[in-house]
N, C-alpha and C. Protein backbone atom coordinates (compact mmCIF):
# COMPACT_ATOMS: atom_id res chain seq x y z
N MET A 1 -60.73 -58.36 -19.21
CA MET A 1 -61.31 -59.29 -18.38
C MET A 1 -62.83 -58.48 -18.49
N THR A 2 -63.58 -59.58 -18.81
CA THR A 2 -65.24 -59.24 -18.53
C THR A 2 -65.58 -59.04 -17.50
N ARG A 3 -66.78 -58.61 -17.11
CA ARG A 3 -67.20 -58.83 -15.55
C ARG A 3 -67.43 -60.19 -15.26
N LYS A 4 -67.84 -61.12 -15.77
CA LYS A 4 -67.88 -62.47 -15.08
C LYS A 4 -66.45 -63.02 -14.58
N GLU A 5 -65.45 -62.63 -15.59
CA GLU A 5 -64.19 -63.19 -15.11
C GLU A 5 -63.54 -62.20 -14.00
N PHE A 6 -63.97 -60.82 -13.73
CA PHE A 6 -63.37 -60.23 -12.91
C PHE A 6 -64.25 -60.90 -11.46
N ILE A 7 -65.39 -61.21 -11.42
CA ILE A 7 -66.08 -61.56 -10.32
C ILE A 7 -65.26 -62.88 -10.20
N LYS A 8 -65.29 -63.91 -10.90
CA LYS A 8 -64.39 -65.24 -11.06
C LYS A 8 -63.06 -64.89 -10.18
N PHE A 9 -62.36 -63.83 -10.44
CA PHE A 9 -61.10 -63.40 -9.87
C PHE A 9 -61.19 -63.07 -8.42
N ILE A 10 -62.11 -62.02 -8.11
CA ILE A 10 -61.84 -61.27 -7.13
C ILE A 10 -63.15 -61.83 -5.88
N ALA A 11 -64.01 -62.88 -6.54
CA ALA A 11 -65.00 -63.29 -5.37
C ALA A 11 -64.34 -64.16 -4.52
N PRO A 12 -63.43 -65.27 -4.65
CA PRO A 12 -62.64 -66.02 -3.90
C PRO A 12 -61.93 -65.45 -2.72
N LEU A 13 -61.05 -64.70 -3.62
CA LEU A 13 -60.38 -63.64 -2.69
C LEU A 13 -61.22 -63.11 -1.36
N ILE A 14 -62.35 -62.37 -1.58
CA ILE A 14 -63.09 -61.80 -0.94
C ILE A 14 -63.75 -62.93 0.12
N LYS A 15 -64.28 -63.78 -0.41
CA LYS A 15 -65.09 -64.80 0.55
C LYS A 15 -64.25 -65.60 1.62
N ILE A 16 -62.74 -65.99 1.23
CA ILE A 16 -61.87 -66.22 2.17
C ILE A 16 -61.92 -65.42 3.11
N THR A 17 -61.49 -64.03 2.89
CA THR A 17 -61.02 -63.05 3.74
C THR A 17 -62.41 -62.76 4.66
N ALA A 18 -63.42 -62.70 4.27
CA ALA A 18 -64.73 -62.30 4.86
C ALA A 18 -64.74 -63.39 6.16
N GLN A 19 -64.50 -64.50 5.60
CA GLN A 19 -65.03 -65.60 6.56
C GLN A 19 -63.75 -65.34 7.62
N VAL A 20 -62.46 -65.28 7.24
CA VAL A 20 -61.55 -65.25 8.51
C VAL A 20 -61.83 -64.07 9.34
N TYR A 21 -62.31 -62.78 8.77
CA TYR A 21 -62.79 -61.47 9.75
C TYR A 21 -63.97 -61.81 10.37
N GLY A 22 -64.72 -62.75 9.82
CA GLY A 22 -66.03 -62.93 10.53
C GLY A 22 -67.31 -61.91 9.78
N TYR A 23 -67.19 -61.85 8.68
CA TYR A 23 -68.32 -61.07 7.88
C TYR A 23 -69.31 -62.11 7.31
N LYS A 24 -70.55 -62.18 7.59
CA LYS A 24 -71.26 -63.13 6.78
C LYS A 24 -71.81 -62.89 5.21
N PHE A 25 -71.55 -61.73 4.98
CA PHE A 25 -72.07 -61.52 3.38
C PHE A 25 -71.24 -60.97 2.61
N PRO A 26 -70.27 -61.89 2.15
CA PRO A 26 -69.27 -61.51 0.93
C PRO A 26 -69.94 -61.19 -0.42
N SER A 27 -71.21 -61.74 -0.43
CA SER A 27 -71.91 -60.92 -1.63
C SER A 27 -71.92 -59.50 -1.82
N ALA A 28 -72.26 -58.89 -0.76
CA ALA A 28 -72.25 -57.36 -0.57
C ALA A 28 -70.70 -56.90 -0.89
N ILE A 29 -69.60 -57.40 -0.43
CA ILE A 29 -68.62 -56.75 -0.59
C ILE A 29 -67.78 -56.98 -1.99
N ILE A 30 -68.26 -58.04 -2.64
CA ILE A 30 -67.93 -58.46 -3.97
C ILE A 30 -68.61 -57.49 -4.83
N ALA A 31 -70.03 -57.21 -4.39
CA ALA A 31 -70.42 -56.08 -5.39
C ALA A 31 -70.05 -54.76 -5.27
N GLN A 32 -69.69 -54.39 -3.71
CA GLN A 32 -68.82 -53.10 -3.72
C GLN A 32 -67.55 -52.89 -4.80
N ALA A 33 -66.83 -54.19 -4.70
CA ALA A 33 -65.77 -54.24 -5.70
C ALA A 33 -66.04 -53.80 -7.11
N CYS A 34 -67.06 -54.84 -7.39
CA CYS A 34 -67.27 -54.55 -9.06
C CYS A 34 -67.92 -52.88 -9.33
N ASN A 35 -68.81 -52.56 -8.28
CA ASN A 35 -69.24 -51.19 -8.51
C ASN A 35 -68.10 -49.91 -8.28
N GLU A 36 -67.17 -50.42 -7.33
CA GLU A 36 -66.37 -49.24 -7.15
C GLU A 36 -65.05 -49.20 -8.22
N SER A 37 -65.00 -50.42 -8.67
CA SER A 37 -63.93 -50.58 -9.66
C SER A 37 -64.10 -50.61 -11.20
N ASN A 38 -65.66 -50.77 -11.53
CA ASN A 38 -66.23 -51.02 -12.67
C ASN A 38 -65.76 -52.27 -13.29
N PHE A 39 -65.85 -53.19 -12.28
CA PHE A 39 -65.69 -54.82 -12.65
C PHE A 39 -64.19 -54.79 -12.97
N GLY A 40 -63.11 -54.06 -12.20
CA GLY A 40 -61.76 -54.17 -12.48
C GLY A 40 -61.06 -53.32 -13.67
N LYS A 41 -61.97 -52.47 -14.17
CA LYS A 41 -61.44 -51.55 -15.37
C LYS A 41 -61.18 -50.14 -14.95
N SER A 42 -61.55 -49.78 -13.92
CA SER A 42 -61.05 -48.40 -13.34
C SER A 42 -59.39 -48.43 -13.32
N GLY A 43 -59.05 -46.97 -13.54
CA GLY A 43 -57.19 -46.95 -13.28
C GLY A 43 -57.05 -47.37 -11.84
N LEU A 44 -57.88 -46.86 -11.06
CA LEU A 44 -57.35 -47.03 -9.44
C LEU A 44 -57.09 -48.48 -9.29
N SER A 45 -58.21 -49.49 -9.87
CA SER A 45 -57.84 -50.90 -9.65
C SER A 45 -57.05 -51.59 -10.67
N LEU A 46 -56.83 -51.10 -11.74
CA LEU A 46 -55.90 -51.57 -12.81
C LEU A 46 -54.30 -51.36 -12.45
N ASN A 47 -54.27 -49.93 -12.03
CA ASN A 47 -52.79 -49.55 -11.82
C ASN A 47 -52.40 -49.95 -10.25
N TYR A 48 -53.26 -49.71 -9.34
CA TYR A 48 -53.03 -49.46 -7.99
C TYR A 48 -53.64 -50.68 -7.07
N ASN A 49 -54.13 -51.77 -7.61
CA ASN A 49 -54.99 -52.79 -7.04
C ASN A 49 -56.24 -52.15 -5.63
N ASN A 50 -56.56 -50.86 -6.06
CA ASN A 50 -57.64 -50.47 -5.14
C ASN A 50 -58.75 -50.83 -5.92
N TYR A 51 -59.51 -51.68 -5.47
CA TYR A 51 -60.87 -52.28 -5.97
C TYR A 51 -62.08 -51.57 -5.39
N PHE A 52 -61.71 -50.86 -4.13
CA PHE A 52 -62.90 -50.15 -3.52
C PHE A 52 -62.75 -48.94 -3.26
N GLY A 53 -62.03 -48.29 -4.20
CA GLY A 53 -62.27 -46.85 -4.07
C GLY A 53 -61.79 -46.14 -2.59
N MET A 54 -60.90 -46.98 -1.83
CA MET A 54 -60.48 -46.53 -0.61
C MET A 54 -59.69 -45.09 -0.78
N LYS A 55 -60.07 -44.31 -0.03
CA LYS A 55 -59.11 -43.17 0.09
C LYS A 55 -58.06 -43.21 1.36
N CYS A 56 -57.12 -42.30 1.25
CA CYS A 56 -56.08 -42.59 2.27
C CYS A 56 -56.53 -42.35 3.68
N GLY A 57 -56.99 -41.24 3.99
CA GLY A 57 -57.45 -40.83 5.29
C GLY A 57 -56.29 -40.42 6.08
N SER A 58 -56.32 -39.87 7.46
CA SER A 58 -55.39 -39.41 8.12
C SER A 58 -54.51 -40.67 8.95
N LYS A 59 -54.83 -41.97 8.79
CA LYS A 59 -54.35 -43.00 9.31
C LYS A 59 -53.48 -43.67 8.36
N TRP A 60 -53.46 -43.62 7.27
CA TRP A 60 -52.94 -44.48 6.06
C TRP A 60 -51.38 -43.93 6.13
N LYS A 61 -50.42 -45.09 6.14
CA LYS A 61 -49.20 -44.82 6.07
C LYS A 61 -48.48 -45.29 4.95
N GLY A 62 -49.22 -46.12 4.27
CA GLY A 62 -48.68 -46.55 2.87
C GLY A 62 -48.57 -45.64 1.73
N LYS A 63 -48.36 -46.36 0.64
CA LYS A 63 -48.27 -45.34 -0.88
C LYS A 63 -49.47 -44.91 -1.13
N SER A 64 -49.41 -43.93 -1.93
CA SER A 64 -50.79 -43.18 -2.43
C SER A 64 -50.77 -42.67 -3.93
N VAL A 65 -51.76 -42.20 -4.00
CA VAL A 65 -52.02 -41.56 -5.61
C VAL A 65 -52.92 -40.58 -5.47
N ASN A 66 -52.54 -39.39 -5.92
CA ASN A 66 -53.45 -38.41 -6.01
C ASN A 66 -54.61 -38.39 -7.47
N LEU A 67 -55.87 -38.59 -7.35
CA LEU A 67 -56.36 -38.55 -8.52
C LEU A 67 -58.02 -37.82 -8.51
N SER A 68 -58.82 -37.64 -9.55
CA SER A 68 -59.72 -36.74 -9.55
C SER A 68 -60.92 -37.69 -9.21
N THR A 69 -61.84 -37.60 -8.56
CA THR A 69 -63.04 -38.35 -8.52
C THR A 69 -64.26 -37.47 -8.15
N LYS A 70 -65.53 -38.16 -8.40
CA LYS A 70 -66.59 -37.40 -8.33
C LYS A 70 -67.51 -37.82 -6.81
N GLU A 71 -67.96 -36.81 -6.46
CA GLU A 71 -68.62 -37.20 -4.82
C GLU A 71 -70.15 -36.63 -5.09
N GLU A 72 -70.95 -37.25 -4.41
CA GLU A 72 -72.33 -36.85 -4.26
C GLU A 72 -72.95 -36.25 -3.05
N TYR A 73 -72.21 -35.08 -2.71
CA TYR A 73 -72.56 -34.36 -1.64
C TYR A 73 -73.89 -34.17 -1.19
N SER A 74 -74.58 -33.54 -2.03
CA SER A 74 -76.03 -33.10 -2.17
C SER A 74 -76.80 -33.97 -3.10
N PRO A 75 -77.85 -34.71 -2.94
CA PRO A 75 -78.50 -35.66 -4.20
C PRO A 75 -78.63 -34.94 -5.45
N GLY A 76 -78.02 -35.88 -6.27
CA GLY A 76 -78.12 -35.37 -7.77
C GLY A 76 -77.13 -34.40 -8.24
N THR A 77 -76.49 -34.19 -7.49
CA THR A 77 -75.43 -33.01 -7.78
C THR A 77 -73.73 -33.76 -7.65
N LEU A 78 -73.01 -34.20 -8.70
CA LEU A 78 -71.82 -34.60 -8.74
C LEU A 78 -70.76 -33.41 -8.44
N THR A 79 -69.97 -33.53 -7.58
CA THR A 79 -68.84 -32.58 -7.60
C THR A 79 -67.45 -33.33 -7.67
N GLU A 80 -66.51 -32.87 -8.63
CA GLU A 80 -65.44 -33.22 -8.79
C GLU A 80 -64.38 -32.93 -7.82
N ILE A 81 -63.61 -33.85 -7.17
CA ILE A 81 -62.62 -33.24 -6.49
C ILE A 81 -61.27 -34.08 -6.74
N ARG A 82 -60.16 -33.71 -6.00
CA ARG A 82 -58.92 -34.36 -6.08
C ARG A 82 -58.89 -34.96 -4.55
N ASP A 83 -58.25 -36.24 -4.56
CA ASP A 83 -58.09 -36.80 -2.92
C ASP A 83 -56.89 -37.97 -3.46
N ASN A 84 -56.30 -38.17 -2.24
CA ASN A 84 -55.13 -39.08 -2.17
C ASN A 84 -55.99 -40.44 -2.04
N PHE A 85 -55.67 -41.60 -2.63
CA PHE A 85 -56.26 -42.89 -2.82
C PHE A 85 -55.10 -43.94 -2.14
N ARG A 86 -55.64 -44.88 -1.64
CA ARG A 86 -54.68 -46.12 -1.11
C ARG A 86 -53.96 -46.78 -2.45
N VAL A 87 -52.72 -47.01 -2.35
CA VAL A 87 -52.13 -47.94 -3.28
C VAL A 87 -51.58 -49.42 -2.64
N TYR A 88 -51.93 -50.37 -3.54
CA TYR A 88 -51.59 -51.66 -3.12
C TYR A 88 -50.81 -52.43 -4.05
N ASP A 89 -49.70 -53.29 -3.55
CA ASP A 89 -48.83 -53.73 -4.37
C ASP A 89 -49.25 -54.72 -5.43
N ASP A 90 -50.27 -55.73 -4.74
CA ASP A 90 -50.93 -56.71 -5.67
C ASP A 90 -52.47 -56.80 -5.34
N SER A 91 -53.27 -57.78 -5.84
CA SER A 91 -54.57 -57.82 -5.74
C SER A 91 -55.02 -58.21 -4.15
N ILE A 92 -54.20 -59.36 -3.94
CA ILE A 92 -54.44 -59.93 -2.27
C ILE A 92 -54.37 -58.78 -1.12
N MET A 93 -53.49 -57.95 -1.43
CA MET A 93 -53.22 -56.75 -0.51
C MET A 93 -54.42 -55.82 -0.55
N GLY A 94 -54.61 -55.75 -2.05
CA GLY A 94 -56.05 -54.75 -2.20
C GLY A 94 -57.33 -55.27 -1.48
N VAL A 95 -57.53 -56.50 -1.63
CA VAL A 95 -58.68 -57.06 -0.68
C VAL A 95 -58.53 -56.85 0.66
N LEU A 96 -57.18 -57.25 1.18
CA LEU A 96 -57.06 -57.27 2.56
C LEU A 96 -57.04 -55.79 3.06
N GLY A 97 -56.72 -54.91 2.11
CA GLY A 97 -56.86 -53.34 2.70
C GLY A 97 -58.17 -52.94 2.82
N TYR A 98 -59.20 -53.69 2.15
CA TYR A 98 -60.45 -53.23 2.40
C TYR A 98 -61.10 -53.80 3.82
N PHE A 99 -60.49 -54.94 4.10
CA PHE A 99 -61.12 -55.48 5.44
C PHE A 99 -60.15 -54.75 6.50
N ASP A 100 -59.08 -54.25 6.33
CA ASP A 100 -58.25 -53.56 7.19
C ASP A 100 -59.29 -52.16 7.42
N PHE A 101 -59.49 -51.70 6.30
CA PHE A 101 -60.03 -50.24 6.56
C PHE A 101 -61.29 -50.44 7.25
N ILE A 102 -62.10 -51.52 7.06
CA ILE A 102 -63.51 -51.76 7.63
C ILE A 102 -63.25 -52.08 9.26
N GLN A 103 -62.19 -52.10 9.69
CA GLN A 103 -61.79 -52.37 11.36
C GLN A 103 -62.02 -51.13 11.77
N TYR A 104 -62.08 -50.05 11.10
CA TYR A 104 -62.49 -48.68 12.18
C TYR A 104 -63.63 -48.68 12.70
N LYS A 105 -63.89 -47.81 14.14
CA LYS A 105 -64.96 -48.06 15.03
C LYS A 105 -66.28 -47.85 14.29
N ARG A 106 -66.14 -47.11 13.23
CA ARG A 106 -67.29 -46.49 12.64
C ARG A 106 -67.94 -47.80 11.60
N TYR A 107 -67.36 -48.59 11.56
CA TYR A 107 -67.84 -49.54 10.92
C TYR A 107 -68.01 -50.88 11.84
N GLU A 108 -67.88 -50.70 12.87
CA GLU A 108 -68.18 -51.99 13.79
C GLU A 108 -69.56 -52.62 13.74
N ASN A 109 -70.66 -52.10 13.11
CA ASN A 109 -71.99 -52.47 12.98
C ASN A 109 -71.96 -53.55 11.81
N LEU A 110 -71.03 -53.50 11.04
CA LEU A 110 -70.93 -54.43 9.56
C LEU A 110 -71.06 -55.83 10.09
N LYS A 111 -70.66 -56.40 11.13
CA LYS A 111 -70.58 -57.63 11.27
C LYS A 111 -72.04 -58.08 12.02
N MET A 112 -72.67 -57.31 12.34
CA MET A 112 -74.20 -57.52 12.82
C MET A 112 -75.14 -57.43 11.64
N ALA A 113 -74.91 -57.32 10.32
CA ALA A 113 -75.77 -57.19 9.13
C ALA A 113 -76.66 -58.50 9.25
N THR A 114 -77.81 -58.12 8.55
CA THR A 114 -78.60 -59.63 8.76
C THR A 114 -78.73 -59.98 7.38
N SER A 115 -78.39 -59.16 6.34
CA SER A 115 -78.51 -59.59 4.83
C SER A 115 -77.72 -58.65 4.09
N PRO A 116 -77.28 -58.98 2.63
CA PRO A 116 -76.43 -58.43 2.14
C PRO A 116 -76.99 -56.86 1.91
N CYS A 117 -78.19 -56.51 1.37
CA CYS A 117 -78.59 -55.47 1.74
C CYS A 117 -78.25 -54.46 2.88
N ASP A 118 -78.92 -55.27 4.14
CA ASP A 118 -78.47 -54.66 5.25
C ASP A 118 -77.09 -54.16 5.40
N TYR A 119 -76.28 -55.15 5.11
CA TYR A 119 -74.83 -54.70 5.06
C TYR A 119 -74.35 -53.58 4.11
N LEU A 120 -75.03 -53.63 2.96
CA LEU A 120 -74.81 -52.25 2.17
C LEU A 120 -75.44 -50.91 2.65
N LEU A 121 -76.66 -50.90 3.65
CA LEU A 121 -77.23 -49.72 3.97
C LEU A 121 -76.14 -49.19 5.06
N LYS A 122 -75.80 -50.21 6.00
CA LYS A 122 -75.14 -50.06 7.14
C LYS A 122 -73.67 -48.98 6.66
N ILE A 123 -73.13 -49.84 5.72
CA ILE A 123 -71.75 -49.10 5.20
C ILE A 123 -71.98 -47.74 4.49
N TRP A 124 -73.22 -47.53 3.83
CA TRP A 124 -73.52 -46.52 3.07
C TRP A 124 -73.57 -45.43 4.27
N SER A 125 -74.60 -45.82 5.25
CA SER A 125 -75.02 -44.76 6.26
C SER A 125 -73.78 -44.60 7.25
N ASP A 126 -72.76 -45.36 7.16
CA ASP A 126 -71.61 -45.22 8.13
C ASP A 126 -70.68 -44.08 7.31
N GLY A 127 -71.20 -43.92 6.00
CA GLY A 127 -70.23 -42.55 5.36
C GLY A 127 -69.05 -43.15 4.37
N TYR A 128 -69.46 -44.66 4.14
CA TYR A 128 -68.36 -45.21 3.12
C TYR A 128 -68.10 -44.61 1.80
N ALA A 129 -69.64 -44.43 1.45
CA ALA A 129 -69.87 -43.78 -0.04
C ALA A 129 -70.75 -42.79 -0.01
N THR A 130 -70.57 -41.67 -0.95
CA THR A 130 -71.64 -40.53 -1.00
C THR A 130 -72.78 -40.79 -1.85
N SER A 131 -72.76 -41.50 -2.74
CA SER A 131 -73.70 -41.80 -3.86
C SER A 131 -74.97 -42.32 -3.29
N ASN A 132 -76.17 -41.57 -3.68
CA ASN A 132 -77.30 -41.88 -3.17
C ASN A 132 -78.01 -43.17 -3.45
N SER A 133 -77.39 -43.59 -5.04
CA SER A 133 -77.85 -44.70 -5.35
C SER A 133 -77.16 -45.97 -5.35
N TYR A 134 -75.74 -45.81 -4.14
CA TYR A 134 -74.84 -46.72 -3.94
C TYR A 134 -75.54 -48.11 -3.39
N VAL A 135 -76.30 -48.09 -2.55
CA VAL A 135 -76.89 -49.40 -2.06
C VAL A 135 -77.66 -50.18 -3.25
N GLU A 136 -78.59 -49.29 -4.10
CA GLU A 136 -79.42 -49.83 -5.23
C GLU A 136 -78.35 -50.37 -6.18
N ASN A 137 -77.34 -49.41 -6.76
CA ASN A 137 -76.48 -49.96 -7.58
C ASN A 137 -75.78 -51.50 -7.17
N CYS A 138 -75.18 -51.53 -6.05
CA CYS A 138 -74.62 -52.89 -5.54
C CYS A 138 -75.52 -53.61 -5.53
N MET A 139 -76.88 -53.79 -4.91
CA MET A 139 -77.90 -54.64 -5.06
C MET A 139 -78.36 -55.07 -6.24
N THR A 140 -78.28 -54.32 -7.48
CA THR A 140 -78.40 -54.74 -8.53
C THR A 140 -77.37 -55.73 -9.23
N ILE A 141 -76.16 -55.27 -8.87
CA ILE A 141 -75.27 -56.12 -8.90
C ILE A 141 -75.26 -57.44 -8.37
N ILE A 142 -75.54 -57.59 -7.14
CA ILE A 142 -75.88 -58.95 -6.74
C ILE A 142 -76.81 -59.64 -7.28
N GLU A 143 -77.78 -59.12 -7.52
CA GLU A 143 -78.95 -59.82 -8.03
C GLU A 143 -78.56 -60.36 -9.52
N LYS A 144 -77.95 -59.24 -10.56
CA LYS A 144 -77.81 -59.66 -11.80
C LYS A 144 -76.68 -60.94 -12.04
N TYR A 145 -75.59 -61.02 -11.05
CA TYR A 145 -74.67 -61.88 -11.19
C TYR A 145 -74.76 -63.04 -9.97
N ASN A 146 -75.75 -63.02 -9.45
CA ASN A 146 -76.27 -64.38 -8.43
C ASN A 146 -74.89 -64.08 -7.36
N LEU A 147 -74.59 -63.11 -6.98
CA LEU A 147 -73.67 -63.23 -6.04
C LEU A 147 -73.93 -63.88 -4.54
N THR A 148 -75.13 -63.91 -4.24
CA THR A 148 -75.28 -64.50 -2.99
C THR A 148 -75.00 -65.96 -2.88
N GLU A 149 -74.47 -66.69 -3.79
CA GLU A 149 -74.11 -68.06 -3.96
C GLU A 149 -72.66 -67.95 -3.25
N TRP A 150 -72.10 -66.87 -3.23
CA TRP A 150 -70.80 -66.74 -2.41
C TRP A 150 -70.91 -66.51 -0.90
N ASP A 151 -72.16 -66.48 -0.47
CA ASP A 151 -72.41 -66.12 1.17
C ASP A 151 -72.54 -67.39 1.80
């Protein structure tokens, strides 16, 4: 699947679900899926329908898989760790899983985002991702693939 094919596949699912849940900027979420899953090519997305790199955390009761990943706890330094990631039965459940995940209290500010960039800044500062270039990487994807057409 090419990058454009992945966007064509995932964007409608995200847009519809974002509308149902009351999020104004599906473009930011589509960019997250592209970034986190390497446009659907990561093992986590291909094998486990987890397009957003979501770890299990203490509240997850579903299936999981233990994989290695890299985190950027200090700027410019990647640390390889192993962690448990959520597993979904299909792509729709994978997208719904993201929206279920962002219902946690720490993400309640996302519905108040004023732009795709603001959404990404909020979710990054809420602790969703450790990469210092996360917002920039997602914004580059939004711009390159004109994802604001989905907002």
